[in-house]
């Protein structure tokens, strides 16, 4: 049975755009998009709780906190992700207390949104990075080797360790060793968390081109 995602977003144009990204990305499965006014009517026709509910915040704190409560009470989603226009500490706190897995910006790239969904569905959380952390020049500080950059890029694309080992021409054990190093450098617990951090921090530029042209040749 395919995974079901329910998207609640009041701005029609934005709702269509996000739905398009979800349907053409990885991890969201079957997507049902609706406005907040349709929530109760749609919930009555849903046979089982969705695996993921994505709520687009309006930017009005009281309304967004109310919608958070309504979505949880009405849909009882297994996982939930909030998309914000401007960071609201009251909504962020309410989301964390309610067990919401993520609170991310609507300005995310399609790849970052896909990575956030993968992270949430893997049991992880994605909340805004602290200001001081986001201001750190991570790329220079990390000093990734060419092989690590290649493996990180393939991890972001959702490749398994075995698939990566075939593409780069090395053993699974070696790939896992590189992956553990990347997890440490990105302060990530698993591949999904590492992928989200890498995309959010801009460590994998040209990801769209990779998808169009296929993987690059491994380094000599």
N, C-alpha and C. Protein backbone atom coordinates (compact mmCIF):
# COMPACT_ATOMS: atom_id res chain seq x y z
N UNK A 1 0.84 -1.20 0.00
CA UNK A 1 0.00 0.00 0.00
C UNK A 1 0.88 1.25 0.00
N UNK A 2 0.55 2.20 -0.89
CA UNK A 2 1.36 3.40 -1.02
C UNK A 2 1.19 4.32 0.18
N UNK A 3 2.26 5.01 0.49
CA UNK A 3 2.21 6.01 1.54
C UNK A 3 1.28 7.14 1.13
N UNK A 4 0.57 7.70 2.11
CA UNK A 4 -0.35 8.80 1.86
C UNK A 4 0.12 10.06 2.58
N UNK A 5 0.16 11.16 1.84
CA UNK A 5 0.51 12.46 2.41
C UNK A 5 -0.66 13.41 2.21
N UNK A 6 -1.04 14.11 3.26
CA UNK A 6 -2.08 15.13 3.18
C UNK A 6 -1.41 16.49 3.33
N UNK A 7 -1.60 17.36 2.34
CA UNK A 7 -1.05 18.71 2.35
C UNK A 7 -2.17 19.70 2.62
N UNK A 8 -2.02 20.52 3.66
CA UNK A 8 -3.00 21.56 3.98
C UNK A 8 -2.34 22.91 3.77
N UNK A 9 -2.81 23.64 2.77
CA UNK A 9 -2.24 24.95 2.43
C UNK A 9 -3.35 25.83 1.86
N UNK A 10 -3.56 27.01 2.45
CA UNK A 10 -4.67 27.87 2.05
C UNK A 10 -4.42 28.65 0.76
N UNK A 11 -3.17 28.96 0.44
CA UNK A 11 -2.89 29.70 -0.79
C UNK A 11 -2.88 28.72 -1.96
N UNK A 12 -3.88 28.88 -2.85
CA UNK A 12 -4.08 27.89 -3.92
C UNK A 12 -2.85 27.71 -4.80
N UNK A 13 -2.24 28.82 -5.21
CA UNK A 13 -1.09 28.72 -6.10
C UNK A 13 0.07 27.99 -5.41
N UNK A 14 0.29 28.33 -4.15
CA UNK A 14 1.35 27.68 -3.39
C UNK A 14 1.02 26.21 -3.15
N UNK A 15 -0.25 25.95 -2.91
CA UNK A 15 -0.69 24.55 -2.69
C UNK A 15 -0.40 23.69 -3.91
N UNK A 16 -0.72 24.23 -5.09
CA UNK A 16 -0.47 23.49 -6.34
C UNK A 16 1.03 23.28 -6.55
N UNK A 17 1.81 24.32 -6.26
CA UNK A 17 3.26 24.22 -6.45
C UNK A 17 3.88 23.18 -5.52
N UNK A 18 3.48 23.21 -4.25
CA UNK A 18 4.03 22.25 -3.29
C UNK A 18 3.58 20.84 -3.64
N UNK A 19 2.31 20.70 -4.05
CA UNK A 19 1.81 19.38 -4.45
C UNK A 19 2.63 18.83 -5.62
N UNK A 20 2.94 19.70 -6.57
CA UNK A 20 3.74 19.27 -7.72
C UNK A 20 5.12 18.79 -7.27
N UNK A 21 5.74 19.52 -6.36
CA UNK A 21 7.05 19.12 -5.85
C UNK A 21 6.96 17.77 -5.15
N UNK A 22 5.91 17.59 -4.34
CA UNK A 22 5.75 16.35 -3.60
C UNK A 22 5.53 15.17 -4.53
N UNK A 23 4.70 15.36 -5.54
CA UNK A 23 4.36 14.26 -6.44
C UNK A 23 5.51 13.87 -7.35
N UNK A 24 6.42 14.82 -7.61
CA UNK A 24 7.54 14.52 -8.50
C UNK A 24 8.84 14.29 -7.74
N UNK A 25 8.75 14.31 -6.42
CA UNK A 25 9.93 14.02 -5.62
C UNK A 25 9.90 12.59 -5.15
N UNK A 26 10.63 12.33 -4.08
CA UNK A 26 10.66 10.98 -3.53
C UNK A 26 10.17 11.00 -2.09
N UNK A 27 9.43 9.98 -1.73
CA UNK A 27 9.07 9.81 -0.33
C UNK A 27 7.67 10.23 0.07
N UNK A 28 6.97 11.05 -0.73
CA UNK A 28 5.66 11.55 -0.30
C UNK A 28 4.52 10.61 -0.66
N UNK A 29 4.73 9.72 -1.64
CA UNK A 29 3.68 8.79 -2.03
C UNK A 29 2.49 9.48 -2.67
N UNK A 30 1.30 9.00 -2.35
CA UNK A 30 0.07 9.60 -2.87
C UNK A 30 -0.23 10.89 -2.10
N UNK A 31 -0.42 11.99 -2.81
CA UNK A 31 -0.60 13.29 -2.17
C UNK A 31 -2.03 13.79 -2.33
N UNK A 32 -2.62 14.19 -1.22
CA UNK A 32 -3.96 14.80 -1.25
C UNK A 32 -3.81 16.23 -0.73
N UNK A 33 -4.11 17.21 -1.56
CA UNK A 33 -3.92 18.62 -1.21
C UNK A 33 -5.26 19.30 -0.98
N UNK A 34 -5.35 20.13 0.05
CA UNK A 34 -6.60 20.80 0.38
C UNK A 34 -6.36 22.09 1.14
N UNK A 35 -7.39 22.92 1.19
CA UNK A 35 -7.37 24.14 2.00
C UNK A 35 -7.84 23.79 3.41
N UNK A 36 -7.52 24.63 4.37
CA UNK A 36 -7.87 24.32 5.76
C UNK A 36 -9.37 24.19 5.97
N UNK A 37 -10.17 24.92 5.19
CA UNK A 37 -11.63 24.85 5.33
C UNK A 37 -12.18 23.49 4.94
N UNK A 38 -11.40 22.73 4.18
CA UNK A 38 -11.85 21.41 3.72
C UNK A 38 -11.43 20.28 4.65
N UNK A 39 -10.73 20.60 5.71
CA UNK A 39 -10.10 19.58 6.54
C UNK A 39 -11.09 18.55 7.09
N UNK A 40 -12.14 19.00 7.75
CA UNK A 40 -13.08 18.06 8.36
C UNK A 40 -13.80 17.21 7.32
N UNK A 41 -14.19 17.84 6.20
CA UNK A 41 -14.89 17.10 5.15
C UNK A 41 -14.00 16.02 4.55
N UNK A 42 -12.75 16.36 4.31
CA UNK A 42 -11.82 15.38 3.73
C UNK A 42 -11.49 14.29 4.74
N UNK A 43 -11.35 14.66 6.00
CA UNK A 43 -11.00 13.68 7.03
C UNK A 43 -12.03 12.57 7.13
N UNK A 44 -13.30 12.91 6.90
CA UNK A 44 -14.36 11.89 6.99
C UNK A 44 -14.27 10.86 5.88
N UNK A 45 -13.56 11.19 4.80
CA UNK A 45 -13.43 10.26 3.68
C UNK A 45 -12.10 9.51 3.68
N UNK A 46 -11.25 9.83 4.65
CA UNK A 46 -9.95 9.16 4.74
C UNK A 46 -10.11 7.86 5.51
N UNK A 47 -9.70 6.76 4.90
CA UNK A 47 -9.91 5.44 5.49
C UNK A 47 -8.99 5.17 6.67
N UNK A 48 -7.79 5.71 6.65
CA UNK A 48 -6.83 5.48 7.72
C UNK A 48 -5.97 6.73 7.90
N UNK A 49 -5.36 6.89 9.06
CA UNK A 49 -4.53 8.08 9.28
C UNK A 49 -3.41 8.15 8.24
N UNK A 50 -3.16 9.34 7.70
CA UNK A 50 -2.08 9.47 6.71
C UNK A 50 -0.72 9.26 7.38
N UNK A 51 0.22 8.75 6.59
CA UNK A 51 1.57 8.59 7.12
C UNK A 51 2.22 9.94 7.38
N UNK A 52 1.82 10.96 6.60
CA UNK A 52 2.41 12.28 6.76
C UNK A 52 1.39 13.37 6.50
N UNK A 53 1.33 14.36 7.38
CA UNK A 53 0.53 15.56 7.15
C UNK A 53 1.49 16.74 7.08
N UNK A 54 1.31 17.57 6.05
CA UNK A 54 2.14 18.76 5.89
C UNK A 54 1.22 19.97 5.99
N UNK A 55 1.47 20.82 6.96
CA UNK A 55 0.64 22.00 7.19
C UNK A 55 1.40 23.26 6.80
N UNK A 56 0.85 24.01 5.85
CA UNK A 56 1.43 25.28 5.47
C UNK A 56 0.94 26.37 6.41
N UNK A 57 1.85 26.98 7.15
CA UNK A 57 1.47 28.02 8.11
C UNK A 57 1.11 29.32 7.39
N UNK A 58 0.18 30.06 7.98
CA UNK A 58 -0.30 31.30 7.37
C UNK A 58 0.54 32.51 7.75
N UNK A 59 1.28 32.40 8.84
CA UNK A 59 2.03 33.54 9.35
C UNK A 59 1.31 34.25 10.47
N UNK A 60 0.06 33.84 10.76
CA UNK A 60 -0.70 34.38 11.89
C UNK A 60 -0.58 33.37 13.02
N UNK A 61 0.12 33.72 14.07
CA UNK A 61 0.51 32.77 15.10
C UNK A 61 -0.66 32.02 15.72
N UNK A 62 -1.69 32.74 16.14
CA UNK A 62 -2.83 32.10 16.80
C UNK A 62 -3.53 31.13 15.85
N UNK A 63 -3.71 31.54 14.61
CA UNK A 63 -4.36 30.68 13.61
C UNK A 63 -3.54 29.43 13.36
N UNK A 64 -2.24 29.58 13.24
CA UNK A 64 -1.38 28.43 12.95
C UNK A 64 -1.36 27.43 14.11
N UNK A 65 -1.36 27.93 15.33
CA UNK A 65 -1.41 27.03 16.49
C UNK A 65 -2.75 26.30 16.54
N UNK A 66 -3.83 26.99 16.20
CA UNK A 66 -5.15 26.36 16.16
C UNK A 66 -5.20 25.29 15.08
N UNK A 67 -4.65 25.59 13.90
CA UNK A 67 -4.64 24.62 12.80
C UNK A 67 -3.80 23.40 13.16
N UNK A 68 -2.71 23.61 13.85
CA UNK A 68 -1.88 22.49 14.29
C UNK A 68 -2.70 21.54 15.15
N UNK A 69 -3.44 22.09 16.10
CA UNK A 69 -4.29 21.28 16.97
C UNK A 69 -5.39 20.58 16.17
N UNK A 70 -6.00 21.30 15.22
CA UNK A 70 -7.08 20.72 14.40
C UNK A 70 -6.60 19.56 13.55
N UNK A 71 -5.46 19.74 12.92
CA UNK A 71 -4.93 18.68 12.05
C UNK A 71 -4.62 17.43 12.85
N UNK A 72 -4.00 17.59 13.99
CA UNK A 72 -3.66 16.43 14.82
C UNK A 72 -4.93 15.73 15.31
N UNK A 73 -5.92 16.52 15.76
CA UNK A 73 -7.16 15.93 16.27
C UNK A 73 -7.99 15.29 15.17
N UNK A 74 -7.97 15.88 13.98
CA UNK A 74 -8.84 15.41 12.89
C UNK A 74 -8.23 14.27 12.09
N UNK A 75 -6.96 14.38 11.76
CA UNK A 75 -6.32 13.38 10.90
C UNK A 75 -5.51 12.34 11.67
N UNK A 76 -5.03 12.70 12.85
CA UNK A 76 -4.15 11.82 13.63
C UNK A 76 -3.02 11.26 12.78
N UNK A 77 -2.27 12.14 12.09
CA UNK A 77 -1.21 11.65 11.20
C UNK A 77 -0.09 10.97 11.99
N UNK A 78 0.55 10.01 11.34
CA UNK A 78 1.66 9.32 11.99
C UNK A 78 2.88 10.24 12.11
N UNK A 79 3.03 11.12 11.14
CA UNK A 79 4.13 12.10 11.15
C UNK A 79 3.58 13.43 10.66
N UNK A 80 4.21 14.52 11.09
CA UNK A 80 3.73 15.84 10.68
C UNK A 80 4.89 16.79 10.45
N UNK A 81 4.72 17.63 9.43
CA UNK A 81 5.73 18.61 9.06
C UNK A 81 5.04 19.95 8.85
N UNK A 82 5.58 21.02 9.43
CA UNK A 82 5.03 22.36 9.25
C UNK A 82 5.95 23.17 8.34
N UNK A 83 5.33 23.94 7.44
CA UNK A 83 6.07 24.84 6.55
C UNK A 83 5.74 26.28 6.95
N UNK A 84 6.76 27.08 7.24
CA UNK A 84 6.50 28.44 7.69
C UNK A 84 6.97 29.48 6.69
N UNK A 85 6.27 30.64 6.70
CA UNK A 85 6.69 31.79 5.91
C UNK A 85 7.78 32.56 6.65
N UNK A 86 7.50 32.86 7.92
CA UNK A 86 8.48 33.50 8.80
C UNK A 86 8.53 32.72 10.10
N UNK A 87 9.72 32.51 10.60
CA UNK A 87 9.88 31.71 11.82
C UNK A 87 9.12 32.35 12.97
N UNK A 88 8.27 31.55 13.62
CA UNK A 88 7.44 32.01 14.74
C UNK A 88 7.77 31.11 15.93
N UNK A 89 8.39 31.67 16.95
CA UNK A 89 8.83 30.86 18.09
C UNK A 89 7.66 30.23 18.83
N UNK A 90 6.50 30.91 18.86
CA UNK A 90 5.34 30.35 19.54
C UNK A 90 4.83 29.11 18.81
N UNK A 91 4.79 29.18 17.48
CA UNK A 91 4.35 28.03 16.69
C UNK A 91 5.39 26.92 16.77
N UNK A 92 6.66 27.29 16.69
CA UNK A 92 7.73 26.30 16.79
C UNK A 92 7.63 25.54 18.11
N UNK A 93 7.42 26.27 19.20
CA UNK A 93 7.31 25.64 20.52
C UNK A 93 6.10 24.73 20.60
N UNK A 94 4.96 25.21 20.07
CA UNK A 94 3.74 24.40 20.08
C UNK A 94 3.93 23.13 19.26
N UNK A 95 4.61 23.25 18.13
CA UNK A 95 4.86 22.09 17.27
C UNK A 95 5.74 21.07 17.99
N UNK A 96 6.80 21.54 18.62
CA UNK A 96 7.70 20.64 19.33
C UNK A 96 6.98 19.93 20.47
N UNK A 97 6.15 20.66 21.20
CA UNK A 97 5.41 20.06 22.32
C UNK A 97 4.39 19.05 21.84
N UNK A 98 3.85 19.26 20.63
CA UNK A 98 2.84 18.34 20.09
C UNK A 98 3.47 17.12 19.42
N UNK A 99 4.79 17.07 19.38
CA UNK A 99 5.46 15.93 18.76
C UNK A 99 5.61 16.02 17.26
N UNK A 100 5.46 17.23 16.72
CA UNK A 100 5.64 17.43 15.28
C UNK A 100 7.11 17.19 14.93
N UNK A 101 7.33 16.49 13.82
CA UNK A 101 8.69 16.08 13.48
C UNK A 101 9.52 17.17 12.82
N UNK A 102 8.87 18.18 12.23
CA UNK A 102 9.66 19.18 11.53
C UNK A 102 8.96 20.51 11.37
N UNK A 103 9.73 21.58 11.35
CA UNK A 103 9.24 22.95 11.16
C UNK A 103 10.25 23.63 10.25
N UNK A 104 9.92 23.70 8.96
CA UNK A 104 10.89 24.17 7.97
C UNK A 104 10.29 25.27 7.10
N UNK A 105 11.14 26.02 6.43
CA UNK A 105 10.71 27.19 5.66
C UNK A 105 10.06 26.81 4.34
N UNK A 106 9.06 27.60 3.94
CA UNK A 106 8.44 27.41 2.63
C UNK A 106 9.40 27.75 1.50
N UNK A 107 10.47 28.45 1.83
CA UNK A 107 11.46 28.83 0.82
C UNK A 107 12.47 27.72 0.53
N UNK A 108 12.29 26.55 1.14
CA UNK A 108 13.19 25.42 0.87
C UNK A 108 13.19 25.09 -0.62
N UNK A 109 14.32 24.61 -1.09
CA UNK A 109 14.37 24.10 -2.46
C UNK A 109 13.60 22.78 -2.51
N UNK A 110 13.15 22.35 -3.70
CA UNK A 110 12.48 21.05 -3.82
C UNK A 110 13.32 19.91 -3.25
N UNK A 111 14.63 19.95 -3.47
CA UNK A 111 15.50 18.89 -2.96
C UNK A 111 15.54 18.90 -1.44
N UNK A 112 15.59 20.09 -0.84
CA UNK A 112 15.62 20.18 0.62
C UNK A 112 14.31 19.71 1.22
N UNK A 113 13.19 20.02 0.57
CA UNK A 113 11.90 19.55 1.06
C UNK A 113 11.84 18.03 0.99
N UNK A 114 12.32 17.46 -0.11
CA UNK A 114 12.35 16.01 -0.23
C UNK A 114 13.22 15.38 0.83
N UNK A 115 14.36 16.01 1.12
CA UNK A 115 15.25 15.50 2.16
C UNK A 115 14.61 15.60 3.54
N UNK A 116 13.86 16.68 3.77
CA UNK A 116 13.16 16.85 5.05
C UNK A 116 12.12 15.76 5.23
N UNK A 117 11.38 15.46 4.18
CA UNK A 117 10.37 14.40 4.25
C UNK A 117 11.02 13.05 4.53
N UNK A 118 12.11 12.76 3.83
CA UNK A 118 12.82 11.50 4.05
C UNK A 118 13.30 11.40 5.49
N UNK A 119 13.80 12.50 6.03
CA UNK A 119 14.28 12.52 7.41
C UNK A 119 13.14 12.26 8.38
N UNK A 120 12.02 12.93 8.18
CA UNK A 120 10.86 12.76 9.05
C UNK A 120 10.35 11.32 9.00
N UNK A 121 10.26 10.76 7.79
CA UNK A 121 9.74 9.41 7.64
C UNK A 121 10.72 8.36 8.18
N UNK A 122 11.98 8.75 8.33
CA UNK A 122 12.97 7.83 8.91
C UNK A 122 13.01 7.94 10.44
N UNK A 123 12.11 8.77 10.99
CA UNK A 123 12.04 8.91 12.43
C UNK A 123 12.85 10.07 12.99
N UNK A 124 13.38 10.91 12.10
CA UNK A 124 14.17 12.05 12.55
C UNK A 124 13.36 13.32 12.70
N UNK A 125 14.03 14.39 13.04
CA UNK A 125 13.40 15.69 13.20
C UNK A 125 14.19 16.74 12.43
N UNK A 126 13.49 17.74 11.92
CA UNK A 126 14.18 18.85 11.23
C UNK A 126 13.55 20.17 11.66
N UNK A 127 14.31 20.89 12.47
CA UNK A 127 13.91 22.20 12.96
C UNK A 127 14.98 23.20 12.53
N UNK A 128 14.66 24.50 12.54
CA UNK A 128 15.63 25.50 12.09
C UNK A 128 16.95 25.39 12.84
N UNK A 129 18.06 25.53 12.09
CA UNK A 129 19.38 25.54 12.70
C UNK A 129 19.54 26.80 13.55
N UNK A 130 20.26 26.71 14.67
CA UNK A 130 20.54 27.92 15.45
C UNK A 130 21.24 28.95 14.57
N UNK A 131 20.98 30.22 14.83
CA UNK A 131 21.54 31.29 14.01
C UNK A 131 23.06 31.21 13.97
N UNK A 132 23.68 30.94 15.13
CA UNK A 132 25.13 30.91 15.13
C UNK A 132 25.66 29.74 14.32
N UNK A 133 24.94 28.63 14.28
CA UNK A 133 25.39 27.48 13.50
C UNK A 133 25.25 27.75 12.02
N UNK A 134 24.12 28.40 11.63
CA UNK A 134 23.90 28.65 10.21
C UNK A 134 24.86 29.69 9.66
N UNK A 135 25.46 30.50 10.55
CA UNK A 135 26.40 31.51 10.10
C UNK A 135 27.82 30.97 9.95
N UNK A 136 28.03 29.73 10.39
CA UNK A 136 29.37 29.14 10.32
C UNK A 136 29.70 28.71 8.91
N UNK A 137 30.90 28.99 8.40
CA UNK A 137 31.28 28.56 7.06
C UNK A 137 31.54 27.06 7.03
N UNK A 138 30.45 26.27 6.98
CA UNK A 138 30.55 24.83 7.14
C UNK A 138 31.36 24.18 6.04
N UNK A 139 31.15 24.60 4.79
CA UNK A 139 31.82 23.94 3.66
C UNK A 139 33.34 23.95 3.85
N UNK A 140 33.89 25.11 4.19
CA UNK A 140 35.33 25.18 4.36
C UNK A 140 35.79 24.40 5.57
N UNK A 141 35.01 24.46 6.66
CA UNK A 141 35.42 23.80 7.89
C UNK A 141 35.38 22.28 7.76
N UNK A 142 34.50 21.76 6.92
CA UNK A 142 34.34 20.32 6.81
C UNK A 142 35.49 19.67 6.05
N UNK A 143 36.02 20.34 5.05
CA UNK A 143 37.15 19.83 4.28
C UNK A 143 36.90 18.40 3.81
N UNK A 144 35.84 18.22 3.05
CA UNK A 144 35.51 16.90 2.51
C UNK A 144 36.50 16.51 1.42
N UNK A 145 36.83 15.23 1.39
CA UNK A 145 37.63 14.73 0.29
C UNK A 145 36.74 14.59 -0.94
N UNK A 146 37.35 14.40 -2.10
CA UNK A 146 36.58 14.24 -3.32
C UNK A 146 35.67 13.01 -3.22
N UNK A 147 36.18 11.93 -2.64
CA UNK A 147 35.38 10.72 -2.48
C UNK A 147 34.21 10.96 -1.53
N UNK A 148 34.44 11.67 -0.43
CA UNK A 148 33.36 11.97 0.51
C UNK A 148 32.29 12.82 -0.13
N UNK A 149 32.69 13.81 -0.94
CA UNK A 149 31.72 14.64 -1.64
C UNK A 149 30.87 13.80 -2.59
N UNK A 150 31.52 12.86 -3.28
CA UNK A 150 30.80 12.00 -4.22
C UNK A 150 29.80 11.12 -3.48
N UNK A 151 30.23 10.53 -2.37
CA UNK A 151 29.35 9.65 -1.60
C UNK A 151 28.21 10.45 -0.98
N UNK A 152 28.50 11.65 -0.47
CA UNK A 152 27.45 12.50 0.10
C UNK A 152 26.40 12.84 -0.94
N UNK A 153 26.83 13.16 -2.14
CA UNK A 153 25.89 13.48 -3.22
C UNK A 153 24.97 12.29 -3.52
N UNK A 154 25.52 11.09 -3.55
CA UNK A 154 24.72 9.90 -3.82
C UNK A 154 23.80 9.58 -2.65
N UNK A 155 24.24 9.87 -1.44
CA UNK A 155 23.38 9.68 -0.26
C UNK A 155 22.17 10.60 -0.33
N UNK A 156 22.41 11.85 -0.75
CA UNK A 156 21.31 12.81 -0.88
C UNK A 156 20.30 12.35 -1.93
N UNK A 157 20.78 11.66 -2.96
CA UNK A 157 19.90 11.13 -4.00
C UNK A 157 19.12 9.91 -3.54
N UNK A 158 19.36 9.46 -2.29
CA UNK A 158 18.60 8.34 -1.75
C UNK A 158 19.17 6.97 -2.08
N UNK A 159 20.41 6.92 -2.55
CA UNK A 159 21.03 5.64 -2.89
C UNK A 159 21.35 4.86 -1.61
N UNK A 160 21.23 3.53 -1.70
CA UNK A 160 21.63 2.68 -0.58
C UNK A 160 23.15 2.54 -0.57
N UNK A 161 23.68 2.03 0.55
CA UNK A 161 25.13 1.84 0.63
C UNK A 161 25.62 0.90 -0.47
N UNK A 162 24.86 -0.14 -0.76
CA UNK A 162 25.25 -1.09 -1.80
C UNK A 162 25.24 -0.43 -3.18
N UNK A 163 24.22 0.39 -3.44
CA UNK A 163 24.15 1.09 -4.72
C UNK A 163 25.31 2.08 -4.87
N UNK A 164 25.64 2.76 -3.77
CA UNK A 164 26.75 3.71 -3.81
C UNK A 164 28.06 2.98 -4.07
N UNK A 165 28.23 1.83 -3.43
CA UNK A 165 29.49 1.08 -3.62
C UNK A 165 29.67 0.68 -5.07
N UNK A 166 28.57 0.33 -5.75
CA UNK A 166 28.66 -0.04 -7.16
C UNK A 166 29.01 1.18 -8.01
N UNK A 167 28.41 2.33 -7.70
CA UNK A 167 28.64 3.52 -8.52
C UNK A 167 30.05 4.08 -8.37
N UNK A 168 30.60 4.00 -7.16
CA UNK A 168 31.94 4.57 -6.95
C UNK A 168 33.04 3.52 -7.10
N UNK A 169 32.65 2.25 -7.23
CA UNK A 169 33.63 1.20 -7.47
C UNK A 169 34.47 0.84 -6.27
N UNK A 170 33.83 0.80 -5.09
CA UNK A 170 34.55 0.40 -3.88
C UNK A 170 33.65 -0.50 -3.05
N UNK A 171 34.16 -1.04 -1.96
CA UNK A 171 33.38 -1.98 -1.16
C UNK A 171 32.32 -1.28 -0.33
N UNK A 172 31.29 -2.05 0.07
CA UNK A 172 30.24 -1.51 0.93
C UNK A 172 30.85 -1.06 2.26
N UNK A 173 31.79 -1.83 2.78
CA UNK A 173 32.43 -1.48 4.05
C UNK A 173 33.14 -0.13 3.97
N UNK A 174 33.79 0.14 2.83
CA UNK A 174 34.47 1.43 2.66
C UNK A 174 33.46 2.57 2.58
N UNK A 175 32.37 2.33 1.86
CA UNK A 175 31.31 3.35 1.77
C UNK A 175 30.75 3.64 3.15
N UNK A 176 30.50 2.60 3.94
CA UNK A 176 29.96 2.80 5.29
C UNK A 176 30.94 3.57 6.17
N UNK A 177 32.22 3.33 5.97
CA UNK A 177 33.23 4.06 6.73
C UNK A 177 33.19 5.55 6.38
N UNK A 178 33.09 5.86 5.08
CA UNK A 178 32.96 7.26 4.65
C UNK A 178 31.67 7.86 5.21
N UNK A 179 30.59 7.06 5.19
CA UNK A 179 29.29 7.56 5.67
C UNK A 179 29.37 7.92 7.15
N UNK A 180 30.02 7.08 7.94
CA UNK A 180 30.15 7.38 9.37
C UNK A 180 30.90 8.69 9.60
N UNK A 181 31.93 8.91 8.79
CA UNK A 181 32.68 10.17 8.89
C UNK A 181 31.79 11.36 8.53
N UNK A 182 30.98 11.19 7.49
CA UNK A 182 30.07 12.26 7.07
C UNK A 182 29.02 12.53 8.14
N UNK A 183 28.49 11.48 8.77
CA UNK A 183 27.51 11.66 9.85
C UNK A 183 28.13 12.50 10.97
N UNK A 184 29.38 12.19 11.29
CA UNK A 184 30.05 12.92 12.37
C UNK A 184 30.24 14.39 11.98
N UNK A 185 30.69 14.64 10.76
CA UNK A 185 30.94 16.01 10.32
C UNK A 185 29.65 16.82 10.23
N UNK A 186 28.54 16.16 9.89
CA UNK A 186 27.26 16.85 9.74
C UNK A 186 26.42 16.80 11.01
N UNK A 187 26.96 16.17 12.06
CA UNK A 187 26.22 16.00 13.31
C UNK A 187 24.88 15.32 13.04
N UNK A 188 24.91 14.26 12.24
CA UNK A 188 23.70 13.54 11.83
C UNK A 188 23.71 12.12 12.39
N UNK A 189 22.51 11.61 12.67
CA UNK A 189 22.41 10.28 13.25
C UNK A 189 22.32 9.19 12.19
N UNK A 190 21.86 9.55 10.98
CA UNK A 190 21.69 8.54 9.95
C UNK A 190 21.75 9.20 8.57
N UNK A 191 21.52 8.40 7.52
CA UNK A 191 21.64 8.91 6.16
C UNK A 191 20.61 10.00 5.88
N UNK A 192 19.38 9.82 6.34
CA UNK A 192 18.34 10.81 6.08
C UNK A 192 18.69 12.15 6.71
N UNK A 193 19.20 12.12 7.94
CA UNK A 193 19.59 13.36 8.62
C UNK A 193 20.78 14.01 7.93
N UNK A 194 21.72 13.20 7.47
CA UNK A 194 22.89 13.73 6.76
C UNK A 194 22.47 14.37 5.45
N UNK A 195 21.54 13.74 4.73
CA UNK A 195 21.07 14.27 3.46
C UNK A 195 20.37 15.61 3.66
N UNK A 196 19.52 15.70 4.67
CA UNK A 196 18.81 16.95 4.94
C UNK A 196 19.80 18.06 5.30
N UNK A 197 20.76 17.75 6.16
CA UNK A 197 21.75 18.75 6.55
C UNK A 197 22.57 19.21 5.35
N UNK A 198 22.97 18.26 4.51
CA UNK A 198 23.80 18.60 3.35
C UNK A 198 23.07 19.51 2.37
N UNK A 199 21.80 19.19 2.09
CA UNK A 199 21.02 20.00 1.15
C UNK A 199 20.73 21.37 1.76
N UNK A 200 20.36 21.40 3.04
CA UNK A 200 20.03 22.66 3.70
C UNK A 200 21.24 23.60 3.75
N UNK A 201 22.42 23.03 3.89
CA UNK A 201 23.64 23.83 4.00
C UNK A 201 24.29 24.12 2.65
N UNK A 202 23.66 23.64 1.58
CA UNK A 202 24.18 23.92 0.24
C UNK A 202 25.46 23.17 -0.09
N UNK A 203 25.63 21.98 0.48
CA UNK A 203 26.85 21.21 0.24
C UNK A 203 26.79 20.36 -1.02
N UNK A 204 25.63 20.32 -1.66
CA UNK A 204 25.49 19.51 -2.88
C UNK A 204 24.93 20.36 -4.02
N UNK A 205 25.66 21.37 -4.47
CA UNK A 205 25.17 22.21 -5.58
C UNK A 205 25.05 21.40 -6.85
N UNK A 206 24.12 21.84 -7.72
CA UNK A 206 23.95 21.16 -9.00
C UNK A 206 23.20 19.85 -8.91
N UNK A 207 22.43 19.66 -7.82
CA UNK A 207 21.71 18.39 -7.65
C UNK A 207 20.69 18.18 -8.75
N UNK A 208 20.04 19.26 -9.19
CA UNK A 208 19.07 19.14 -10.29
C UNK A 208 19.75 18.66 -11.56
N UNK A 209 20.94 19.19 -11.83
CA UNK A 209 21.66 18.76 -13.02
C UNK A 209 22.04 17.30 -12.93
N UNK A 210 22.39 16.84 -11.71
CA UNK A 210 22.73 15.43 -11.52
C UNK A 210 21.58 14.54 -11.92
N UNK A 211 20.37 14.95 -11.56
CA UNK A 211 19.21 14.12 -11.85
C UNK A 211 18.92 14.06 -13.34
N UNK A 212 19.28 15.14 -14.04
CA UNK A 212 19.04 15.17 -15.48
C UNK A 212 20.10 14.40 -16.26
N UNK A 213 21.33 14.48 -15.79
CA UNK A 213 22.43 13.91 -16.58
C UNK A 213 22.96 12.60 -16.05
N UNK A 214 22.52 12.21 -14.83
CA UNK A 214 23.00 10.97 -14.26
C UNK A 214 24.25 11.20 -13.44
N UNK A 215 24.73 10.16 -12.73
CA UNK A 215 25.88 10.32 -11.84
C UNK A 215 27.15 10.59 -12.60
N UNK A 216 28.03 11.34 -11.95
CA UNK A 216 29.32 11.66 -12.56
C UNK A 216 30.23 10.45 -12.48
N UNK A 217 31.27 10.43 -13.33
CA UNK A 217 32.23 9.34 -13.28
C UNK A 217 33.00 9.42 -11.97
N UNK A 218 33.35 8.26 -11.37
CA UNK A 218 34.09 8.28 -10.11
C UNK A 218 35.48 8.84 -10.32
N UNK A 219 36.04 9.44 -9.26
CA UNK A 219 37.38 10.01 -9.38
C UNK A 219 38.41 8.92 -9.59
N UNK A 220 39.47 9.25 -10.31
CA UNK A 220 40.53 8.27 -10.58
C UNK A 220 41.30 7.96 -9.30
